[in-house]
C-alpha atoms as a PDB file:
ATOM      1  CA  GLU A   1     161.853  82.937 124.537  1.00  0.00           C
ATOM      2  CA  GLU A   2     161.815  86.622 125.164  1.00  0.00           C
ATOM      3  CA  ALA A   3     160.179  86.832 121.463  1.00  0.00           C
ATOM      4  CA  GLY A   4     157.398  84.225 122.987  1.00  0.00           C
ATOM      5  CA  ASP A   5     157.067  86.472 125.641  1.00  0.00           C
ATOM      6  CA  GLU A   6     156.830  89.512 123.722  1.00  0.00           C
ATOM      7  CA  ALA A   7     154.085  87.634 121.060  1.00  0.00           C
ATOM      8  CA  ALA A   8     152.099  86.946 124.239  1.00  0.00           C
ATOM      9  CA  GLY A   9     152.195  90.387 125.390  1.00  0.00           C
ATOM     10  CA  ASP A  10     151.013  91.493 121.808  1.00  0.00           C
ATOM     11  CA  MET A  11     148.213  88.912 121.542  1.00  0.00           C
ATOM     12  CA  ALA A  12     146.707  89.900 124.688  1.00  0.00           C
ATOM     13  CA  GLY A  13     147.187  93.738 123.965  1.00  0.00           C
ATOM     14  CA  ALA A  14     145.289  92.719 120.475  1.00  0.00           C
ATOM     15  CA  ILE A  15     142.186  91.163 122.587  1.00  0.00           C
ATOM     16  CA  ALA A  16     142.047  93.638 125.381  1.00  0.00           C
ATOM     17  CA  ALA A  17     141.785  96.213 122.202  1.00  0.00           C
ATOM     18  CA  VAL A  18     138.910  93.950 120.520  1.00  0.00           C
ATOM     19  CA  GLY A  19     136.935  93.881 123.827  1.00  0.00           C
ATOM     20  CA  ILE A  20     136.858  97.586 124.371  1.00  0.00           C
ATOM     21  CA  SER A  21     136.080  98.192 120.748  1.00  0.00           C
ATOM     22  CA  LEU A  22     133.458  95.743 120.848  1.00  0.00           C
ATOM     23  CA  GLY A  23     132.140  97.402 124.285  1.00  0.00           C
ATOM     24  CA  ILE A  24     132.090 101.071 122.589  1.00  0.00           C
ATOM     25  CA  GLY A  25     130.275  99.678 119.808  1.00  0.00           C
ATOM     26  CA  ILE A  26     127.599  98.013 121.976  1.00  0.00           C
ATOM     27  CA  THR A  27     127.752 101.204 123.974  1.00  0.00           C
ATOM     28  CA  MET A  28     126.835 103.597 120.949  1.00  0.00           C
ATOM     29  CA  ALA A  29     124.290 101.104 119.536  1.00  0.00           C
ATOM     30  CA  GLY A  30     122.731 100.697 122.839  1.00  0.00           C
ATOM     31  CA  THR A  31     122.206 104.276 123.621  1.00  0.00           C
ATOM     32  CA  ALA A  32     121.496 104.942 119.988  1.00  0.00           C
ATOM     33  CA  TYR A  33     118.494 102.505 120.016  1.00  0.00           C
ATOM     34  CA  ALA A  34     117.244 103.668 123.236  1.00  0.00           C
ATOM     35  CA  THR A  35     117.045 107.537 121.616  1.00  0.00           C
ATOM     36  CA  ALA A  36     115.434 106.228 118.961  1.00  0.00           C
ATOM     37  CA  LYS A  37     112.879 104.841 120.862  1.00  0.00           C
ATOM     38  CA  SER A  38     112.305 107.616 123.687  1.00  0.00           C
ATOM     39  CA  GLN A  39     111.855 109.952 120.646  1.00  0.00           C
ATOM     40  CA  ALA A  40     109.837 108.196 118.587  1.00  0.00           C
ATOM     41  CA  ALA A  41     107.261 108.115 121.713  1.00  0.00           C
ATOM     42  CA  VAL A  42     107.544 111.907 122.266  1.00  0.00           C
ATOM     43  CA  ALA A  43     107.707 113.307 118.908  1.00  0.00           C
ATOM     44  CA  SER A  44     104.386 111.245 118.425  1.00  0.00           C
ATOM     45  CA  ALA A  45     102.696 112.316 121.188  1.00  0.00           C
ATOM     46  CA  GLY A  46     104.054 116.053 120.812  1.00  0.00           C
ATOM     47  CA  PHE A  47     102.470 116.024 117.390  1.00  0.00           C
ATOM     48  CA  GLY A  48      98.994 114.903 118.841  1.00  0.00           C
ATOM     49  CA  ALA A  49      99.382 117.399 121.425  1.00  0.00           C
ATOM     50  CA  MET A  50      99.852 120.057 118.752  1.00  0.00           C
ATOM     51  CA  ALA A  51      96.992 119.368 116.200  1.00  0.00           C
ATOM     52  CA  GLU A  52      94.749 120.219 119.704  1.00  0.00           C
ATOM     53  CA  LYS A  53      96.487 122.868 120.937  1.00  0.00           C
ATOM     54  CA  PRO A  54      99.396 124.771 118.773  1.00  0.00           C
ATOM     55  CA  GLU A  55     100.606 126.570 121.783  1.00  0.00           C
ATOM     56  CA  LEU A  56     102.163 123.510 123.037  1.00  0.00           C
ATOM     57  CA  ALA A  57     104.602 123.555 119.917  1.00  0.00           C
ATOM     58  CA  THR A  58     107.596 124.901 122.099  1.00  0.00           C
ATOM     59  CA  TRP A  59     107.106 122.232 124.879  1.00  0.00           C
ATOM     60  CA  ALA A  60     106.921 119.504 122.165  1.00  0.00           C
ATOM     61  CA  LEU A  61     110.472 120.861 120.864  1.00  0.00           C
ATOM     62  CA  ILE A  62     111.721 120.576 124.135  1.00  0.00           C
ATOM     63  CA  LEU A  63     110.489 117.210 125.061  1.00  0.00           C
ATOM     64  CA  PHE A  64     111.679 116.219 121.654  1.00  0.00           C
ATOM     65  CA  ALA A  65     115.222 117.255 122.597  1.00  0.00           C
ATOM     66  CA  ILE A  66     116.037 115.778 126.072  1.00  0.00           C
ATOM     67  CA  PRO A  67     116.140 112.340 125.000  1.00  0.00           C
ATOM     68  CA  GLU A  68     119.395 113.425 123.048  1.00  0.00           C
ATOM     69  CA  THR A  69     120.978 113.543 126.382  1.00  0.00           C
ATOM     70  CA  ILE A  70     120.944 109.981 126.138  1.00  0.00           C
ATOM     71  CA  ILE A  71     123.149 109.333 122.940  1.00  0.00           C
ATOM     72  CA  VAL A  72     125.265 112.296 124.330  1.00  0.00           C
ATOM     73  CA  LEU A  73     125.712 110.307 127.760  1.00  0.00           C
ATOM     74  CA  GLY A  74     126.841 107.136 125.583  1.00  0.00           C
ATOM     75  CA  PHE A  75     129.276 109.018 123.657  1.00  0.00           C
ATOM     76  CA  VAL A  76     130.991 110.158 126.587  1.00  0.00           C
ATOM     77  CA  ILE A  77     131.104 106.799 128.195  1.00  0.00           C
ATOM     78  CA  ALA A  78     132.568 105.232 124.938  1.00  0.00           C
ATOM     79  CA  ILE A  79     135.188 107.568 125.216  1.00  0.00           C
ATOM     80  CA  LEU A  80     136.021 107.115 128.543  1.00  0.00           C
ATOM     81  CA  MET A  81     136.066 103.160 127.920  1.00  0.00           C
ATOM     82  CA  THR A  82     139.019 104.137 125.254  1.00  0.00           C
ATOM     83  CA  GLY A  83     141.028 104.922 128.295  1.00  0.00           C
ATOM     84  CA  TYR A  84     142.508 108.047 126.789  1.00  0.00           C
ATOM     85  CA  PHE A  85     140.957 110.356 129.763  1.00  0.00           C
END
């Protein structure tokens, strides 16, 4: 009977690990997609603005880098989901 309890505990742990792994994967995929979509919009607008006013290159680069925080925050959330921190 003790072996059955141990096997049930191992199965519950395995199911929890799979759930956490799926959650982490979905988190990273969602934040990567959001970052890509926002950077595509910012890049196209930035290059269009730079074509007309080259002095806007610095602002375009800064605005292009800001969406990167989305993926960084997604990575932090994924690390927190592992439960190590």
